[in-house]
């Protein structure tokens, strides 16, 4: 048995920096089907918007960049029961998705896509 001193019990959120919140909210809610959980100002010109799939305990926080904005590979992996169908649906909506699904032996099918600001996220087929 391991013992932890921090008593951390969950991952609350992961952050994606976006320079245009309205554009980001439209993408994450209308295109990906997420719901908005929080929308708040946290300083002059700074905004924090939390979005997530319905029922998810972890949210993606869409945060204002504190300095010059540069798109990032977020490392965020979203789960779907059918990666191929999700890939086709996003492509049909004009989302910048990888050409093909990544298929590696013993690893679930997955692909990456970019939000309207160029941030990279991933969709992985879950069990």
C-alpha atoms as a PDB file:
ATOM      1  CA  UNK A   1       0.000   0.000   0.000  1.00  0.00           C
ATOM      2  CA  UNK A   2       1.264   3.470  -0.871  1.00  0.00           C
ATOM      3  CA  UNK A   3       0.887   6.501   1.316  1.00  0.00           C
ATOM      4  CA  UNK A   4       0.487  10.002  -0.051  1.00  0.00           C
ATOM      5  CA  UNK A   5       1.117  13.107   1.972  1.00  0.00           C
ATOM      6  CA  UNK A   6      -0.918  15.409  -0.269  1.00  0.00           C
ATOM      7  CA  UNK A   7      -4.326  13.724  -0.058  1.00  0.00           C
ATOM      8  CA  UNK A   8      -5.039  14.674  -3.690  1.00  0.00           C
ATOM      9  CA  UNK A   9      -8.293  13.013  -4.692  1.00  0.00           C
ATOM     10  CA  UNK A  10      -9.097  14.159  -8.234  1.00  0.00           C
ATOM     11  CA  UNK A  11      -8.107  16.180 -11.282  1.00  0.00           C
ATOM     12  CA  UNK A  12     -10.339  19.264 -11.259  1.00  0.00           C
ATOM     13  CA  UNK A  13      -9.423  20.816 -14.596  1.00  0.00           C
ATOM     14  CA  UNK A  14      -6.918  21.148 -17.380  1.00  0.00           C
ATOM     15  CA  UNK A  15      -6.307  24.492 -19.050  1.00  0.00           C
ATOM     16  CA  UNK A  16      -6.259  25.522 -22.686  1.00  0.00           C
ATOM     17  CA  UNK A  17      -5.289  29.103 -23.490  1.00  0.00           C
ATOM     18  CA  UNK A  18      -7.542  30.834 -26.011  1.00  0.00           C
ATOM     19  CA  UNK A  19      -7.326  34.417 -27.298  1.00  0.00           C
ATOM     20  CA  UNK A  20     -11.014  34.559 -28.355  1.00  0.00           C
ATOM     21  CA  UNK A  21     -13.410  33.091 -25.796  1.00  0.00           C
ATOM     22  CA  UNK A  22     -16.573  33.426 -27.890  1.00  0.00           C
ATOM     23  CA  UNK A  23     -14.985  31.473 -30.740  1.00  0.00           C
ATOM     24  CA  UNK A  24     -13.673  28.848 -28.303  1.00  0.00           C
ATOM     25  CA  UNK A  25     -16.998  28.476 -26.482  1.00  0.00           C
ATOM     26  CA  UNK A  26     -18.820  27.987 -29.789  1.00  0.00           C
ATOM     27  CA  UNK A  27     -16.346  25.271 -30.815  1.00  0.00           C
ATOM     28  CA  UNK A  28     -16.317  23.362 -27.539  1.00  0.00           C
ATOM     29  CA  UNK A  29     -20.106  23.540 -27.045  1.00  0.00           C
ATOM     30  CA  UNK A  30     -21.564  23.531 -30.566  1.00  0.00           C
ATOM     31  CA  UNK A  31     -18.979  21.357 -32.324  1.00  0.00           C
ATOM     32  CA  UNK A  32     -17.837  19.035 -29.531  1.00  0.00           C
ATOM     33  CA  UNK A  33     -21.148  19.055 -27.640  1.00  0.00           C
ATOM     34  CA  UNK A  34     -19.722  20.138 -24.280  1.00  0.00           C
ATOM     35  CA  UNK A  35     -21.662  22.173 -21.747  1.00  0.00           C
ATOM     36  CA  UNK A  36     -20.474  25.411 -20.154  1.00  0.00           C
ATOM     37  CA  UNK A  37     -19.990  24.964 -16.415  1.00  0.00           C
ATOM     38  CA  UNK A  38     -18.524  28.350 -15.417  1.00  0.00           C
ATOM     39  CA  UNK A  39     -17.845  31.688 -17.095  1.00  0.00           C
ATOM     40  CA  UNK A  40     -16.017  34.272 -14.990  1.00  0.00           C
ATOM     41  CA  UNK A  41     -13.719  37.275 -15.181  1.00  0.00           C
ATOM     42  CA  UNK A  42     -10.648  36.864 -12.998  1.00  0.00           C
ATOM     43  CA  UNK A  43      -8.837  40.104 -13.610  1.00  0.00           C
ATOM     44  CA  UNK A  44      -8.744  43.021 -16.047  1.00  0.00           C
ATOM     45  CA  UNK A  45      -9.320  41.521 -19.490  1.00  0.00           C
ATOM     46  CA  UNK A  46      -8.916  37.956 -18.194  1.00  0.00           C
ATOM     47  CA  UNK A  47     -11.627  35.320 -18.546  1.00  0.00           C
ATOM     48  CA  UNK A  48     -11.999  31.731 -17.300  1.00  0.00           C
ATOM     49  CA  UNK A  49     -14.613  29.487 -18.933  1.00  0.00           C
ATOM     50  CA  UNK A  50     -15.031  25.845 -17.914  1.00  0.00           C
ATOM     51  CA  UNK A  51     -16.497  23.381 -20.428  1.00  0.00           C
ATOM     52  CA  UNK A  52     -16.971  19.625 -20.224  1.00  0.00           C
ATOM     53  CA  UNK A  53     -18.943  16.723 -21.640  1.00  0.00           C
ATOM     54  CA  UNK A  54     -22.199  16.172 -19.730  1.00  0.00           C
ATOM     55  CA  UNK A  55     -21.524  14.134 -16.598  1.00  0.00           C
ATOM     56  CA  UNK A  56     -17.746  14.627 -16.641  1.00  0.00           C
ATOM     57  CA  UNK A  57     -16.131  15.560 -13.336  1.00  0.00           C
ATOM     58  CA  UNK A  58     -13.032  17.018 -15.018  1.00  0.00           C
ATOM     59  CA  UNK A  59     -13.429  20.234 -17.001  1.00  0.00           C
ATOM     60  CA  UNK A  60     -11.380  22.034 -19.620  1.00  0.00           C
ATOM     61  CA  UNK A  61     -10.744  25.610 -18.519  1.00  0.00           C
ATOM     62  CA  UNK A  62     -10.546  28.008 -21.450  1.00  0.00           C
ATOM     63  CA  UNK A  63      -8.285  30.708 -20.060  1.00  0.00           C
ATOM     64  CA  UNK A  64      -7.056  34.038 -21.345  1.00  0.00           C
ATOM     65  CA  UNK A  65      -3.378  33.984 -22.288  1.00  0.00           C
ATOM     66  CA  UNK A  66      -1.310  36.036 -19.860  1.00  0.00           C
ATOM     67  CA  UNK A  67       1.263  36.827 -22.543  1.00  0.00           C
ATOM     68  CA  UNK A  68       1.548  36.397 -26.295  1.00  0.00           C
ATOM     69  CA  UNK A  69      -0.608  33.494 -27.413  1.00  0.00           C
ATOM     70  CA  UNK A  70       0.995  30.435 -28.999  1.00  0.00           C
ATOM     71  CA  UNK A  71      -1.075  27.334 -29.877  1.00  0.00           C
ATOM     72  CA  UNK A  72      -0.056  24.285 -27.861  1.00  0.00           C
ATOM     73  CA  UNK A  73      -0.257  20.516 -27.880  1.00  0.00           C
ATOM     74  CA  UNK A  74      -2.476  20.249 -24.816  1.00  0.00           C
ATOM     75  CA  UNK A  75      -1.954  16.542 -24.217  1.00  0.00           C
ATOM     76  CA  UNK A  76      -5.682  16.320 -23.452  1.00  0.00           C
ATOM     77  CA  UNK A  77      -7.245  13.000 -24.446  1.00  0.00           C
ATOM     78  CA  UNK A  78     -11.015  12.849 -24.794  1.00  0.00           C
ATOM     79  CA  UNK A  79     -12.794   9.491 -24.890  1.00  0.00           C
ATOM     80  CA  UNK A  80     -15.415   8.232 -27.330  1.00  0.00           C
ATOM     81  CA  UNK A  81     -16.920   4.785 -27.891  1.00  0.00           C
ATOM     82  CA  UNK A  82     -16.181   5.040 -31.643  1.00  0.00           C
ATOM     83  CA  UNK A  83     -13.077   6.975 -32.746  1.00  0.00           C
ATOM     84  CA  UNK A  84     -13.751   6.370 -36.433  1.00  0.00           C
ATOM     85  CA  UNK A  85     -17.265   7.859 -36.196  1.00  0.00           C
ATOM     86  CA  UNK A  86     -15.987  10.825 -34.146  1.00  0.00           C
ATOM     87  CA  UNK A  87     -13.237  11.424 -36.722  1.00  0.00           C
ATOM     88  CA  UNK A  88     -15.752  11.398 -39.582  1.00  0.00           C
ATOM     89  CA  UNK A  89     -18.183  13.675 -37.718  1.00  0.00           C
ATOM     90  CA  UNK A  90     -15.529  16.277 -36.890  1.00  0.00           C
ATOM     91  CA  UNK A  91     -14.131  16.181 -40.418  1.00  0.00           C
ATOM     92  CA  UNK A  92     -17.659  16.670 -41.795  1.00  0.00           C
ATOM     93  CA  UNK A  93     -18.015  19.770 -39.593  1.00  0.00           C
ATOM     94  CA  UNK A  94     -14.810  21.210 -41.043  1.00  0.00           C
ATOM     95  CA  UNK A  95     -12.626  20.649 -37.977  1.00  0.00           C
ATOM     96  CA  UNK A  96      -8.875  20.399 -38.587  1.00  0.00           C
ATOM     97  CA  UNK A  97      -8.394  16.671 -37.891  1.00  0.00           C
ATOM     98  CA  UNK A  98      -5.574  14.271 -38.712  1.00  0.00           C
ATOM     99  CA  UNK A  99      -5.936  12.640 -42.118  1.00  0.00           C
ATOM    100  CA  UNK A 100      -6.213   9.146 -40.633  1.00  0.00           C
ATOM    101  CA  UNK A 101      -6.742   7.450 -37.296  1.00  0.00           C
ATOM    102  CA  UNK A 102      -3.618   6.296 -35.521  1.00  0.00           C
ATOM    103  CA  UNK A 103      -3.765   2.528 -35.152  1.00  0.00           C
ATOM    104  CA  UNK A 104      -1.000   0.949 -33.082  1.00  0.00           C
ATOM    105  CA  UNK A 105      -1.100  -2.672 -31.894  1.00  0.00           C
ATOM    106  CA  UNK A 106      -2.416  -2.977 -28.319  1.00  0.00           C
ATOM    107  CA  UNK A 107      -3.364   0.728 -28.218  1.00  0.00           C
ATOM    108  CA  UNK A 108      -6.902   2.070 -28.763  1.00  0.00           C
ATOM    109  CA  UNK A 109      -7.522   3.908 -32.064  1.00  0.00           C
ATOM    110  CA  UNK A 110      -7.039   7.663 -31.747  1.00  0.00           C
ATOM    111  CA  UNK A 111      -6.541  10.870 -33.679  1.00  0.00           C
ATOM    112  CA  UNK A 112      -5.667  14.474 -33.002  1.00  0.00           C
ATOM    113  CA  UNK A 113      -7.537  17.602 -33.962  1.00  0.00           C
ATOM    114  CA  UNK A 114      -7.082  21.336 -33.537  1.00  0.00           C
ATOM    115  CA  UNK A 115      -9.459  23.845 -31.975  1.00  0.00           C
ATOM    116  CA  UNK A 116     -10.048  27.144 -33.842  1.00  0.00           C
ATOM    117  CA  UNK A 117      -6.936  28.615 -32.182  1.00  0.00           C
ATOM    118  CA  UNK A 118      -4.638  25.769 -33.246  1.00  0.00           C
ATOM    119  CA  UNK A 119      -4.474  23.991 -29.875  1.00  0.00           C
ATOM    120  CA  UNK A 120      -4.134  20.225 -30.349  1.00  0.00           C
ATOM    121  CA  UNK A 121      -6.355  17.753 -28.497  1.00  0.00           C
ATOM    122  CA  UNK A 122      -6.850  14.011 -28.988  1.00  0.00           C
ATOM    123  CA  UNK A 123      -9.786  11.642 -29.188  1.00  0.00           C
ATOM    124  CA  UNK A 124      -9.182   8.065 -28.045  1.00  0.00           C
ATOM    125  CA  UNK A 125     -11.585   5.172 -28.382  1.00  0.00           C
ATOM    126  CA  UNK A 126     -12.594   3.917 -24.958  1.00  0.00           C
ATOM    127  CA  UNK A 127     -13.777   0.485 -23.933  1.00  0.00           C
END
